[in-house]
Amino acid sequence: MNATPIQAVNARLKSQASVAYQQAAIVANDARATYLVSKWGWEQTNVSYYAVIRRTEKTVLLVKVETQHFATDPMQGGYAAPLDKIVAKPFTRKLGPDGEVKITKYERARPWDGTPQAYTCYA
C-alpha cells in the first residue's frame, strides 16, 4: 500500500526530527559545565542556556552561553544544546527554592537535565 502525500511528509519530518535530536544529544553529552535552561517566547519557542559560574545559598553567578541549533525543517524548529562559548557578561540572580532563576521579567531558567530542548521558528 502506498503512503498518502500527508503520510509521506509526516514520515520525512519524523525522520528529520530524530536526526536533529541525536545531533543535539551528542553536543549535550560533551557539555562540561552545570547549566540552567530557559524556554521562552510568544510566537516561537526560544531556548537559552546559562552556565553556572558560582552558586551560594541564595544567589547564582551566571553567564549566557551560545546555543547550537539542530533544525528538523526550515521554519519549523528542532532541538538545541549549549556550547561552551560565552556570549554575554556574567550576572548575578537570586536563586529560587526549586532552583529556578528569574533572568528577566519574561524569562525564567531551571536546572538543565542534559537532554536537548525543542525550539520552534517563525518567520
PDB file of N, CA and C in Angstrom:
ATOM      1  N   MET A   1       0.846  -1.184   0.000  1.00  0.00           N
ATOM      2  CA  MET A   1       0.000   0.000   0.000  1.00  0.00           C
ATOM      3  C   MET A   1       0.890   1.245   0.000  1.00  0.00           C
ATOM      4  N   ASN A   2       0.616   2.181  -0.895  1.00  0.00           N
ATOM      5  CA  ASN A   2       1.393   3.415  -0.996  1.00  0.00           C
ATOM      6  C   ASN A   2       0.933   4.418   0.053  1.00  0.00           C
ATOM      7  N   ALA A   3       1.878   5.175   0.550  1.00  0.00           N
ATOM      8  CA  ALA A   3       1.571   6.210   1.539  1.00  0.00           C
ATOM      9  C   ALA A   3       0.937   7.410   0.843  1.00  0.00           C
ATOM     10  N   THR A   4       0.022   8.053   1.532  1.00  0.00           N
ATOM     11  CA  THR A   4      -0.567   9.282   1.011  1.00  0.00           C
ATOM     12  C   THR A   4       0.483  10.382   1.094  1.00  0.00           C
ATOM     13  N   PRO A   5       0.312  11.481   0.356  1.00  0.00           N
ATOM     14  CA  PRO A   5       1.282  12.584   0.448  1.00  0.00           C
ATOM     15  C   PRO A   5       1.460  13.098   1.876  1.00  0.00           C
ATOM     16  N   ILE A   6       0.394  13.163   2.637  1.00  0.00           N
ATOM     17  CA  ILE A   6       0.494  13.650   4.009  1.00  0.00           C
ATOM     18  C   ILE A   6       1.288  12.663   4.863  1.00  0.00           C
ATOM     19  N   GLN A   7       1.056  11.372   4.688  1.00  0.00           N
ATOM     20  CA  GLN A   7       1.810  10.368   5.428  1.00  0.00           C
ATOM     21  C   GLN A   7       3.296  10.429   5.075  1.00  0.00           C
ATOM     22  N   ALA A   8       3.595  10.661   3.798  1.00  0.00           N
ATOM     23  CA  ALA A   8       4.992  10.750   3.358  1.00  0.00           C
ATOM     24  C   ALA A   8       5.679  11.950   4.001  1.00  0.00           C
ATOM     25  N   VAL A   9       5.004  13.096   4.038  1.00  0.00           N
ATOM     26  CA  VAL A   9       5.570  14.296   4.665  1.00  0.00           C
ATOM     27  C   VAL A   9       5.773  14.058   6.157  1.00  0.00           C
ATOM     28  N   ASN A  10       4.779  13.477   6.835  1.00  0.00           N
ATOM     29  CA  ASN A  10       4.911  13.197   8.267  1.00  0.00           C
ATOM     30  C   ASN A  10       6.074  12.260   8.552  1.00  0.00           C
ATOM     31  N   ALA A  11       6.280  11.256   7.709  1.00  0.00           N
ATOM     32  CA  ALA A  11       7.395  10.326   7.893  1.00  0.00           C
ATOM     33  C   ALA A  11       8.732  11.041   7.718  1.00  0.00           C
ATOM     34  N   ARG A  12       8.811  11.933   6.712  1.00  0.00           N
ATOM     35  CA  ARG A  12      10.043  12.691   6.481  1.00  0.00           C
ATOM     36  C   ARG A  12      10.346  13.608   7.657  1.00  0.00           C
ATOM     37  N   LEU A  13       9.334  14.303   8.179  1.00  0.00           N
ATOM     38  CA  LEU A  13       9.534  15.203   9.318  1.00  0.00           C
ATOM     39  C   LEU A  13       9.946  14.430  10.563  1.00  0.00           C
ATOM     40  N   LYS A  14       9.344  13.261  10.784  1.00  0.00           N
ATOM     41  CA  LYS A  14       9.709  12.441  11.940  1.00  0.00           C
ATOM     42  C   LYS A  14      11.161  11.999  11.840  1.00  0.00           C
ATOM     43  N   SER A  15      11.596  11.629  10.665  1.00  0.00           N
ATOM     44  CA  SER A  15      12.983  11.207  10.452  1.00  0.00           C
ATOM     45  C   SER A  15      13.941  12.368  10.697  1.00  0.00           C
ATOM     46  N   GLN A  16      13.611  13.561  10.185  1.00  0.00           N
ATOM     47  CA  GLN A  16      14.462  14.734  10.373  1.00  0.00           C
ATOM     48  C   GLN A  16      14.522  15.127  11.845  1.00  0.00           C
ATOM     49  N   ALA A  17      13.411  15.016  12.562  1.00  0.00           N
ATOM     50  CA  ALA A  17      13.387  15.347  13.984  1.00  0.00           C
ATOM     51  C   ALA A  17      14.288  14.389  14.753  1.00  0.00           C
ATOM     52  N   SER A  18      14.273  13.128  14.402  1.00  0.00           N
ATOM     53  CA  SER A  18      15.116  12.140  15.069  1.00  0.00           C
ATOM     54  C   SER A  18      16.594  12.451  14.862  1.00  0.00           C
ATOM     55  N   VAL A  19      16.979  12.799  13.653  1.00  0.00           N
ATOM     56  CA  VAL A  19      18.374  13.137  13.356  1.00  0.00           C
ATOM     57  C   VAL A  19      18.780  14.388  14.118  1.00  0.00           C
ATOM     58  N   ALA A  20      17.935  15.424  14.138  1.00  0.00           N
ATOM     59  CA  ALA A  20      18.240  16.667  14.850  1.00  0.00           C
ATOM     60  C   ALA A  20      18.399  16.403  16.346  1.00  0.00           C
ATOM     61  N   TYR A  21      17.528  15.577  16.901  1.00  0.00           N
ATOM     62  CA  TYR A  21      17.622  15.264  18.330  1.00  0.00           C
ATOM     63  C   TYR A  21      18.930  14.533  18.629  1.00  0.00           C
ATOM     64  N   GLN A  22      19.307  13.579  17.789  1.00  0.00           N
ATOM     65  CA  GLN A  22      20.543  12.833  18.000  1.00  0.00           C
ATOM     66  C   GLN A  22      21.767  13.748  17.910  1.00  0.00           C
ATOM     67  N   GLN A  23      21.768  14.686  16.949  1.00  0.00           N
ATOM     68  CA  GLN A  23      22.886  15.622  16.820  1.00  0.00           C
ATOM     69  C   GLN A  23      22.990  16.504  18.065  1.00  0.00           C
ATOM     70  N   ALA A  24      21.851  17.005  18.545  1.00  0.00           N
ATOM     71  CA  ALA A  24      21.856  17.851  19.742  1.00  0.00           C
ATOM     72  C   ALA A  24      22.286  17.050  20.970  1.00  0.00           C
ATOM     73  N   ALA A  25      21.913  15.792  21.041  1.00  0.00           N
ATOM     74  CA  ALA A  25      22.290  14.954  22.180  1.00  0.00           C
ATOM     75  C   ALA A  25      23.802  14.757  22.246  1.00  0.00           C
ATOM     76  N   ILE A  26      24.451  14.642  21.095  1.00  0.00           N
ATOM     77  CA  ILE A  26      25.909  14.490  21.065  1.00  0.00           C
ATOM     78  C   ILE A  26      26.578  15.728  21.659  1.00  0.00           C
ATOM     79  N   VAL A  27      26.118  16.913  21.246  1.00  0.00           N
ATOM     80  CA  VAL A  27      26.674  18.161  21.778  1.00  0.00           C
ATOM     81  C   VAL A  27      26.367  18.267  23.269  1.00  0.00           C
ATOM     82  N   ALA A  28      25.158  17.904  23.673  1.00  0.00           N
ATOM     83  CA  ALA A  28      24.766  17.986  25.081  1.00  0.00           C
ATOM     84  C   ALA A  28      25.647  17.087  25.943  1.00  0.00           C
ATOM     85  N   ASN A  29      25.984  15.914  25.461  1.00  0.00           N
ATOM     86  CA  ASN A  29      26.835  14.997  26.224  1.00  0.00           C
ATOM     87  C   ASN A  29      28.239  15.537  26.399  1.00  0.00           C
ATOM     88  N   ASP A  30      28.682  16.416  25.498  1.00  0.00           N
ATOM     89  CA  ASP A  30      30.013  16.997  25.583  1.00  0.00           C
ATOM     90  C   ASP A  30      30.075  18.181  26.551  1.00  0.00           C
ATOM     91  N   ALA A  31      28.924  18.675  26.979  1.00  0.00           N
ATOM     92  CA  ALA A  31      28.893  19.839  27.867  1.00  0.00           C
ATOM     93  C   ALA A  31      29.555  19.496  29.203  1.00  0.00           C
ATOM     94  N   ARG A  32      30.465  20.366  29.630  1.00  0.00           N
ATOM     95  CA  ARG A  32      31.236  20.072  30.835  1.00  0.00           C
ATOM     96  C   ARG A  32      30.831  20.934  32.039  1.00  0.00           C
ATOM     97  N   ALA A  33      29.906  21.835  31.875  1.00  0.00           N
ATOM     98  CA  ALA A  33      29.529  22.734  32.960  1.00  0.00           C
ATOM     99  C   ALA A  33      28.127  22.408  33.466  1.00  0.00           C
ATOM    100  N   THR A  34      27.767  23.049  34.571  1.00  0.00           N
ATOM    101  CA  THR A  34      26.395  22.973  35.058  1.00  0.00           C
ATOM    102  C   THR A  34      25.623  24.095  34.388  1.00  0.00           C
ATOM    103  N   TYR A  35      24.485  23.759  33.793  1.00  0.00           N
ATOM    104  CA  TYR A  35      23.712  24.743  33.048  1.00  0.00           C
ATOM    105  C   TYR A  35      22.301  24.895  33.598  1.00  0.00           C
ATOM    106  N   LEU A  36      21.765  26.105  33.360  1.00  0.00           N
ATOM    107  CA  LEU A  36      20.346  26.354  33.510  1.00  0.00           C
ATOM    108  C   LEU A  36      19.809  26.535  32.101  1.00  0.00           C
ATOM    109  N   VAL A  37      18.562  26.140  31.878  1.00  0.00           N
ATOM    110  CA  VAL A  37      17.956  26.304  30.562  1.00  0.00           C
ATOM    111  C   VAL A  37      16.676  27.118  30.705  1.00  0.00           C
ATOM    112  N   SER A  38      16.434  27.951  29.711  1.00  0.00           N
ATOM    113  CA  SER A  38      15.246  28.785  29.672  1.00  0.00           C
ATOM    114  C   SER A  38      14.553  28.590  28.338  1.00  0.00           C
ATOM    115  N   LYS A  39      13.264  28.303  28.386  1.00  0.00           N
ATOM    116  CA  LYS A  39      12.447  28.222  27.161  1.00  0.00           C
ATOM    117  C   LYS A  39      11.415  29.340  27.258  1.00  0.00           C
ATOM    118  N   TRP A  40      11.407  30.230  26.269  1.00  0.00           N
ATOM    119  CA  TRP A  40      10.555  31.401  26.347  1.00  0.00           C
ATOM    120  C   TRP A  40      10.178  31.850  24.943  1.00  0.00           C
ATOM    121  N   GLY A  41       9.183  32.712  24.839  1.00  0.00           N
ATOM    122  CA  GLY A  41       8.781  33.280  23.561  1.00  0.00           C
ATOM    123  C   GLY A  41       7.271  33.357  23.424  1.00  0.00           C
ATOM    124  N   TRP A  42       6.825  34.016  22.372  1.00  0.00           N
ATOM    125  CA  TRP A  42       5.402  34.194  22.133  1.00  0.00           C
ATOM    126  C   TRP A  42       4.970  33.388  20.912  1.00  0.00           C
ATOM    127  N   GLU A  43       5.389  33.784  19.727  1.00  0.00           N
ATOM    128  CA  GLU A  43       5.012  33.062  18.510  1.00  0.00           C
ATOM    129  C   GLU A  43       6.000  31.949  18.164  1.00  0.00           C
ATOM    130  N   GLN A  44       7.073  31.881  18.905  1.00  0.00           N
ATOM    131  CA  GLN A  44       8.065  30.836  18.715  1.00  0.00           C
ATOM    132  C   GLN A  44       8.638  30.500  20.079  1.00  0.00           C
ATOM    133  N   THR A  45       9.246  29.337  20.194  1.00  0.00           N
ATOM    134  CA  THR A  45       9.864  28.943  21.449  1.00  0.00           C
ATOM    135  C   THR A  45      11.366  29.093  21.329  1.00  0.00           C
ATOM    136  N   ASN A  46      11.928  30.015  22.102  1.00  0.00           N
ATOM    137  CA  ASN A  46      13.370  30.229  22.137  1.00  0.00           C
ATOM    138  C   ASN A  46      13.962  29.398  23.269  1.00  0.00           C
ATOM    139  N   VAL A  47      15.186  28.947  23.079  1.00  0.00           N
ATOM    140  CA  VAL A  47      15.896  28.203  24.118  1.00  0.00           C
ATOM    141  C   VAL A  47      17.199  28.930  24.407  1.00  0.00           C
ATOM    142  N   SER A  48      17.439  29.249  25.669  1.00  0.00           N
ATOM    143  CA  SER A  48      18.674  29.903  26.096  1.00  0.00           C
ATOM    144  C   SER A  48      19.312  29.074  27.200  1.00  0.00           C
ATOM    145  N   TYR A  49      20.641  29.033  27.193  1.00  0.00           N
ATOM    146  CA  TYR A  49      21.387  28.306  28.216  1.00  0.00           C
ATOM    147  C   TYR A  49      22.284  29.270  28.977  1.00  0.00           C
ATOM    148  N   TYR A  50      22.433  29.010  30.275  1.00  0.00           N
ATOM    149  CA  TYR A  50      23.270  29.817  31.151  1.00  0.00           C
ATOM    150  C   TYR A  50      24.182  28.882  31.945  1.00  0.00           C
ATOM    151  N   ALA A  51      25.481  29.133  31.890  1.00  0.00           N
ATOM    152  CA  ALA A  51      26.435  28.341  32.671  1.00  0.00           C
ATOM    153  C   ALA A  51      26.510  28.920  34.073  1.00  0.00           C
ATOM    154  N   VAL A  52      26.496  28.054  35.059  1.00  0.00           N
ATOM    155  CA  VAL A  52      26.615  28.468  36.456  1.00  0.00           C
ATOM    156  C   VAL A  52      28.097  28.585  36.788  1.00  0.00           C
ATOM    157  N   ILE A  53      28.526  29.803  37.107  1.00  0.00           N
ATOM    158  CA  ILE A  53      29.925  30.052  37.453  1.00  0.00           C
ATOM    159  C   ILE A  53      30.145  29.840  38.946  1.00  0.00           C
ATOM    160  N   ARG A  54      29.212  30.373  39.742  1.00  0.00           N
ATOM    161  CA  ARG A  54      29.328  30.248  41.196  1.00  0.00           C
ATOM    162  C   ARG A  54      27.923  30.235  41.784  1.00  0.00           C
ATOM    163  N   ARG A  55      27.755  29.458  42.818  1.00  0.00           N
ATOM    164  CA  ARG A  55      26.455  29.361  43.476  1.00  0.00           C
ATOM    165  C   ARG A  55      26.636  29.506  44.979  1.00  0.00           C
ATOM    166  N   THR A  56      25.790  30.330  45.585  1.00  0.00           N
ATOM    167  CA  THR A  56      25.742  30.428  47.046  1.00  0.00           C
ATOM    168  C   THR A  56      24.377  29.899  47.472  1.00  0.00           C
ATOM    169  N   GLU A  57      24.077  30.030  48.737  1.00  0.00           N
ATOM    170  CA  GLU A  57      22.783  29.554  49.235  1.00  0.00           C
ATOM    171  C   GLU A  57      21.619  30.326  48.614  1.00  0.00           C
ATOM    172  N   LYS A  58      21.836  31.629  48.320  1.00  0.00           N
ATOM    173  CA  LYS A  58      20.738  32.469  47.849  1.00  0.00           C
ATOM    174  C   LYS A  58      20.901  33.020  46.435  1.00  0.00           C
ATOM    175  N   THR A  59      22.102  32.954  45.873  1.00  0.00           N
ATOM    176  CA  THR A  59      22.328  33.546  44.552  1.00  0.00           C
ATOM    177  C   THR A  59      23.143  32.624  43.649  1.00  0.00           C
ATOM    178  N   VAL A  60      23.104  32.953  42.351  1.00  0.00           N
ATOM    179  CA  VAL A  60      23.956  32.275  41.378  1.00  0.00           C
ATOM    180  C   VAL A  60      24.604  33.328  40.484  1.00  0.00           C
ATOM    181  N   LEU A  61      25.848  33.089  40.125  1.00  0.00           N
ATOM    182  CA  LEU A  61      26.544  33.915  39.146  1.00  0.00           C
ATOM    183  C   LEU A  61      26.476  33.133  37.847  1.00  0.00           C
ATOM    184  N   LEU A  62      25.840  33.740  36.834  1.00  0.00           N
ATOM    185  CA  LEU A  62      25.587  33.069  35.569  1.00  0.00           C
ATOM    186  C   LEU A  62      26.263  33.799  34.422  1.00  0.00           C
ATOM    187  N   VAL A  63      26.457  33.072  33.328  1.00  0.00           N
ATOM    188  CA  VAL A  63      26.891  33.679  32.086  1.00  0.00           C
ATOM    189  C   VAL A  63      26.134  32.977  30.957  1.00  0.00           C
ATOM    190  N   LYS A  64      25.598  33.779  30.037  1.00  0.00           N
ATOM    191  CA  LYS A  64      24.869  33.201  28.901  1.00  0.00           C
ATOM    192  C   LYS A  64      25.874  32.575  27.945  1.00  0.00           C
ATOM    193  N   VAL A  65      25.543  31.381  27.458  1.00  0.00           N
ATOM    194  CA  VAL A  65      26.412  30.691  26.507  1.00  0.00           C
ATOM    195  C   VAL A  65      25.669  30.488  25.184  1.00  0.00           C
ATOM    196  N   GLU A  66      26.444  30.307  24.137  1.00  0.00           N
ATOM    197  CA  GLU A  66      25.875  30.117  22.805  1.00  0.00           C
ATOM    198  C   GLU A  66      25.070  28.824  22.751  1.00  0.00           C
ATOM    199  N   THR A  67      23.999  28.858  21.991  1.00  0.00           N
ATOM    200  CA  THR A  67      23.144  27.697  21.792  1.00  0.00           C
ATOM    201  C   THR A  67      23.337  27.170  20.379  1.00  0.00           C
ATOM    202  N   GLN A  68      23.561  25.885  20.257  1.00  0.00           N
ATOM    203  CA  GLN A  68      23.678  25.263  18.937  1.00  0.00           C
ATOM    204  C   GLN A  68      22.325  24.654  18.589  1.00  0.00           C
ATOM    205  N   HIS A  69      21.820  25.023  17.393  1.00  0.00           N
ATOM    206  CA  HIS A  69      20.510  24.552  16.949  1.00  0.00           C
ATOM    207  C   HIS A  69      20.664  23.473  15.887  1.00  0.00           C
ATOM    208  N   PHE A  70      19.824  22.457  15.992  1.00  0.00           N
ATOM    209  CA  PHE A  70      19.771  21.378  15.014  1.00  0.00           C
ATOM    210  C   PHE A  70      18.351  21.354  14.465  1.00  0.00           C
ATOM    211  N   ALA A  71      18.177  21.901  13.264  1.00  0.00           N
ATOM    212  CA  ALA A  71      16.842  22.070  12.686  1.00  0.00           C
ATOM    213  C   ALA A  71      16.287  20.755  12.165  1.00  0.00           C
ATOM    214  N   THR A  72      14.984  20.581  12.386  1.00  0.00           N
ATOM    215  CA  THR A  72      14.294  19.430  11.808  1.00  0.00           C
ATOM    216  C   THR A  72      13.805  19.775  10.408  1.00  0.00           C
ATOM    217  N   ASP A  73      13.450  21.042  10.205  1.00  0.00           N
ATOM    218  CA  ASP A  73      12.963  21.508   8.918  1.00  0.00           C
ATOM    219  C   ASP A  73      12.977  23.041   8.963  1.00  0.00           C
ATOM    220  N   PRO A  74      13.316  23.694   7.852  1.00  0.00           N
ATOM    221  CA  PRO A  74      13.302  25.166   7.868  1.00  0.00           C
ATOM    222  C   PRO A  74      11.936  25.695   8.290  1.00  0.00           C
ATOM    223  N   MET A  75      11.943  26.735   9.074  1.00  0.00           N
ATOM    224  CA  MET A  75      10.732  27.405   9.549  1.00  0.00           C
ATOM    225  C   MET A  75       9.888  26.526  10.469  1.00  0.00           C
ATOM    226  N   GLN A  76      10.473  25.461  11.006  1.00  0.00           N
ATOM    227  CA  GLN A  76       9.701  24.603  11.900  1.00  0.00           C
ATOM    228  C   GLN A  76      10.327  24.486  13.275  1.00  0.00           C
ATOM    229  N   GLY A  77      11.637  24.386  13.340  1.00  0.00           N
ATOM    230  CA  GLY A  77      12.303  24.250  14.621  1.00  0.00           C
ATOM    231  C   GLY A  77      13.187  23.033  14.670  1.00  0.00           C
ATOM    232  N   GLY A  78      13.441  22.564  15.876  1.00  0.00           N
ATOM    233  CA  GLY A  78      14.309  21.417  16.057  1.00  0.00           C
ATOM    234  C   GLY A  78      14.703  21.274  17.513  1.00  0.00           C
ATOM    235  N   TYR A  79      15.972  20.969  17.741  1.00  0.00           N
ATOM    236  CA  TYR A  79      16.481  20.762  19.089  1.00  0.00           C
ATOM    237  C   TYR A  79      17.720  21.613  19.321  1.00  0.00           C
ATOM    238  N   ALA A  80      17.941  21.987  20.576  1.00  0.00           N
ATOM    239  CA  ALA A  80      19.050  22.874  20.911  1.00  0.00           C
ATOM    240  C   ALA A  80      19.858  22.316  22.069  1.00  0.00           C
ATOM    241  N   ALA A  81      21.158  22.592  22.037  1.00  0.00           N
ATOM    242  CA  ALA A  81      22.066  22.183  23.106  1.00  0.00           C
ATOM    243  C   ALA A  81      23.065  23.314  23.342  1.00  0.00           C
ATOM    244  N   PRO A  82      23.612  23.415  24.560  1.00  0.00           N
ATOM    245  CA  PRO A  82      24.552  24.506  24.857  1.00  0.00           C
ATOM    246  C   PRO A  82      25.949  24.227  24.321  1.00  0.00           C
ATOM    247  N   LEU A  83      26.648  25.311  24.000  1.00  0.00           N
ATOM    248  CA  LEU A  83      28.064  25.231  23.627  1.00  0.00           C
ATOM    249  C   LEU A  83      28.873  25.947  24.703  1.00  0.00           C
ATOM    250  N   ASP A  84      30.134  25.618  24.823  1.00  0.00           N
ATOM    251  CA  ASP A  84      30.994  26.273  25.821  1.00  0.00           C
ATOM    252  C   ASP A  84      31.580  27.574  25.287  1.00  0.00           C
ATOM    253  N   LYS A  85      30.719  28.446  24.762  1.00  0.00           N
ATOM    254  CA  LYS A  85      31.158  29.738  24.240  1.00  0.00           C
ATOM    255  C   LYS A  85      30.323  30.835  24.899  1.00  0.00           C
ATOM    256  N   ILE A  86      30.978  31.706  25.640  1.00  0.00           N
ATOM    257  CA  ILE A  86      30.301  32.784  26.355  1.00  0.00           C
ATOM    258  C   ILE A  86      29.864  33.861  25.370  1.00  0.00           C
ATOM    259  N   VAL A  87      28.612  34.333  25.525  1.00  0.00           N
ATOM    260  CA  VAL A  87      28.092  35.363  24.613  1.00  0.00           C
ATOM    261  C   VAL A  87      27.666  36.639  25.334  1.00  0.00           C
ATOM    262  N   ALA A  88      27.869  36.707  26.652  1.00  0.00           N
ATOM    263  CA  ALA A  88      27.492  37.912  27.397  1.00  0.00           C
ATOM    264  C   ALA A  88      28.313  37.995  28.679  1.00  0.00           C
ATOM    265  N   LYS A  89      28.219  39.118  29.352  1.00  0.00           N
ATOM    266  CA  LYS A  89      28.942  39.303  30.614  1.00  0.00           C
ATOM    267  C   LYS A  89      28.242  38.530  31.736  1.00  0.00           C
ATOM    268  N   PRO A  90      29.003  38.066  32.725  1.00  0.00           N
ATOM    269  CA  PRO A  90      28.399  37.372  33.872  1.00  0.00           C
ATOM    270  C   PRO A  90      27.455  38.298  34.643  1.00  0.00           C
ATOM    271  N   PHE A  91      26.445  37.715  35.259  1.00  0.00           N
ATOM    272  CA  PHE A  91      25.497  38.477  36.068  1.00  0.00           C
ATOM    273  C   PHE A  91      25.007  37.595  37.221  1.00  0.00           C
ATOM    274  N   THR A  92      24.529  38.246  38.273  1.00  0.00           N
ATOM    275  CA  THR A  92      24.057  37.544  39.464  1.00  0.00           C
ATOM    276  C   THR A  92      22.543  37.639  39.549  1.00  0.00           C
ATOM    277  N   ARG A  93      21.923  36.529  39.963  1.00  0.00           N
ATOM    278  CA  ARG A  93      20.473  36.496  40.165  1.00  0.00           C
ATOM    279  C   ARG A  93      20.164  35.738  41.452  1.00  0.00           C
ATOM    280  N   LYS A  94      18.981  36.031  42.023  1.00  0.00           N
ATOM    281  CA  LYS A  94      18.522  35.292  43.197  1.00  0.00           C
ATOM    282  C   LYS A  94      18.142  33.876  42.782  1.00  0.00           C
ATOM    283  N   LEU A  95      18.399  32.948  43.664  1.00  0.00           N
ATOM    284  CA  LEU A  95      18.089  31.546  43.431  1.00  0.00           C
ATOM    285  C   LEU A  95      16.774  31.213  44.114  1.00  0.00           C
ATOM    286  N   GLY A  96      15.816  30.696  43.357  1.00  0.00           N
ATOM    287  CA  GLY A  96      14.528  30.313  43.922  1.00  0.00           C
ATOM    288  C   GLY A  96      14.624  28.999  44.681  1.00  0.00           C
ATOM    289  N   PRO A  97      13.616  28.688  45.485  1.00  0.00           N
ATOM    290  CA  PRO A  97      13.658  27.478  46.308  1.00  0.00           C
ATOM    291  C   PRO A  97      13.714  26.180  45.487  1.00  0.00           C
ATOM    292  N   ASP A  98      13.191  26.194  44.287  1.00  0.00           N
ATOM    293  CA  ASP A  98      13.196  24.993  43.443  1.00  0.00           C
ATOM    294  C   ASP A  98      14.345  25.007  42.435  1.00  0.00           C
ATOM    295  N   GLY A  99      15.293  25.944  42.595  1.00  0.00           N
ATOM    296  CA  GLY A  99      16.415  26.052  41.678  1.00  0.00           C
ATOM    297  C   GLY A  99      16.133  26.948  40.491  1.00  0.00           C
ATOM    298  N   GLU A 100      14.913  27.509  40.418  1.00  0.00           N
ATOM    299  CA  GLU A 100      14.550  28.401  39.318  1.00  0.00           C
ATOM    300  C   GLU A 100      15.187  29.773  39.523  1.00  0.00           C
ATOM    301  N   VAL A 101      15.568  30.402  38.413  1.00  0.00           N
ATOM    302  CA  VAL A 101      16.185  31.724  38.447  1.00  0.00           C
ATOM    303  C   VAL A 101      15.422  32.638  37.495  1.00  0.00           C
ATOM    304  N   LYS A 102      15.051  33.828  37.976  1.00  0.00           N
ATOM    305  CA  LYS A 102      14.382  34.822  37.134  1.00  0.00           C
ATOM    306  C   LYS A 102      15.472  35.577  36.368  1.00  0.00           C
ATOM    307  N   ILE A 103      15.531  35.381  35.047  1.00  0.00           N
ATOM    308  CA  ILE A 103      16.524  36.042  34.206  1.00  0.00           C
ATOM    309  C   ILE A 103      16.055  37.448  33.859  1.00  0.00           C
ATOM    310  N   THR A 104      14.839  37.562  33.340  1.00  0.00           N
ATOM    311  CA  THR A 104      14.189  38.851  33.050  1.00  0.00           C
ATOM    312  C   THR A 104      12.733  38.727  33.473  1.00  0.00           C
ATOM    313  N   LYS A 105      11.940  39.775  33.235  1.00  0.00           N
ATOM    314  CA  LYS A 105      10.528  39.701  33.628  1.00  0.00           C
ATOM    315  C   LYS A 105       9.769  38.656  32.810  1.00  0.00           C
ATOM    316  N   TYR A 106      10.284  38.258  31.654  1.00  0.00           N
ATOM    317  CA  TYR A 106       9.604  37.269  30.816  1.00  0.00           C
ATOM    318  C   TYR A 106      10.380  35.956  30.666  1.00  0.00           C
ATOM    319  N   GLU A 107      11.514  35.832  31.332  1.00  0.00           N
ATOM    320  CA  GLU A 107      12.342  34.642  31.141  1.00  0.00           C
ATOM    321  C   GLU A 107      12.782  34.058  32.485  1.00  0.00           C
ATOM    322  N   ARG A 108      12.515  32.783  32.657  1.00  0.00           N
ATOM    323  CA  ARG A 108      12.934  32.037  33.848  1.00  0.00           C
ATOM    324  C   ARG A 108      13.788  30.852  33.398  1.00  0.00           C
ATOM    325  N   ALA A 109      14.804  30.513  34.192  1.00  0.00           N
ATOM    326  CA  ALA A 109      15.678  29.384  33.861  1.00  0.00           C
ATOM    327  C   ALA A 109      15.637  28.368  34.993  1.00  0.00           C
ATOM    328  N   ARG A 110      15.703  27.107  34.599  1.00  0.00           N
ATOM    329  CA  ARG A 110      15.689  25.991  35.555  1.00  0.00           C
ATOM    330  C   ARG A 110      16.920  25.126  35.329  1.00  0.00           C
ATOM    331  N   PRO A 111      17.289  24.321  36.313  1.00  0.00           N
ATOM    332  CA  PRO A 111      18.412  23.405  36.092  1.00  0.00           C
ATOM    333  C   PRO A 111      18.156  22.517  34.877  1.00  0.00           C
ATOM    334  N   TRP A 112      19.178  22.384  34.048  1.00  0.00           N
ATOM    335  CA  TRP A 112      19.078  21.605  32.814  1.00  0.00           C
ATOM    336  C   TRP A 112      19.372  20.149  33.117  1.00  0.00           C
ATOM    337  N   ASP A 113      18.548  19.244  32.599  1.00  0.00           N
ATOM    338  CA  ASP A 113      18.715  17.818  32.875  1.00  0.00           C
ATOM    339  C   ASP A 113      19.610  17.099  31.865  1.00  0.00           C
ATOM    340  N   GLY A 114      20.170  17.844  30.922  1.00  0.00           N
ATOM    341  CA  GLY A 114      21.093  17.242  29.960  1.00  0.00           C
ATOM    342  C   GLY A 114      20.459  16.772  28.671  1.00  0.00           C
ATOM    343  N   THR A 115      19.144  16.905  28.537  1.00  0.00           N
ATOM    344  CA  THR A 115      18.504  16.481  27.291  1.00  0.00           C
ATOM    345  C   THR A 115      18.349  17.671  26.355  1.00  0.00           C
ATOM    346  N   PRO A 116      18.469  17.446  25.039  1.00  0.00           N
ATOM    347  CA  PRO A 116      18.253  18.532  24.081  1.00  0.00           C
ATOM    348  C   PRO A 116      16.847  19.097  24.230  1.00  0.00           C
ATOM    349  N   GLN A 117      16.726  20.402  24.070  1.00  0.00           N
ATOM    350  CA  GLN A 117      15.456  21.083  24.239  1.00  0.00           C
ATOM    351  C   GLN A 117      14.864  21.473  22.895  1.00  0.00           C
ATOM    352  N   ALA A 118      13.571  21.241  22.726  1.00  0.00           N
ATOM    353  CA  ALA A 118      12.891  21.566  21.470  1.00  0.00           C
ATOM    354  C   ALA A 118      12.689  23.078  21.367  1.00  0.00           C
ATOM    355  N   TYR A 119      12.824  23.605  20.143  1.00  0.00           N
ATOM    356  CA  TYR A 119      12.523  25.012  19.881  1.00  0.00           C
ATOM    357  C   TYR A 119      11.689  25.084  18.616  1.00  0.00           C
ATOM    358  N   THR A 120      11.036  26.220  18.395  1.00  0.00           N
ATOM    359  CA  THR A 120      10.260  26.431  17.173  1.00  0.00           C
ATOM    360  C   THR A 120      10.705  27.740  16.520  1.00  0.00           C
ATOM    361  N   CYS A 121      10.440  27.846  15.240  1.00  0.00           N
ATOM    362  CA  CYS A 121      10.813  29.041  14.464  1.00  0.00           C
ATOM    363  C   CYS A 121       9.565  29.705  13.903  1.00  0.00           C
ATOM    364  N   TYR A 122       9.686  30.979  13.659  1.00  0.00           N
ATOM    365  CA  TYR A 122       8.619  31.721  12.995  1.00  0.00           C
ATOM    366  C   TYR A 122       9.278  32.825  12.202  1.00  0.00           C
ATOM    367  N   ALA A 123       8.882  32.961  10.953  1.00  0.00           N
ATOM    368  CA  ALA A 123       9.434  33.957  10.022  1.00  0.00           C
ATOM    369  C   ALA A 123      10.480  34.753  10.686  1.00  0.00           C
TER     370      ALA A 123
END
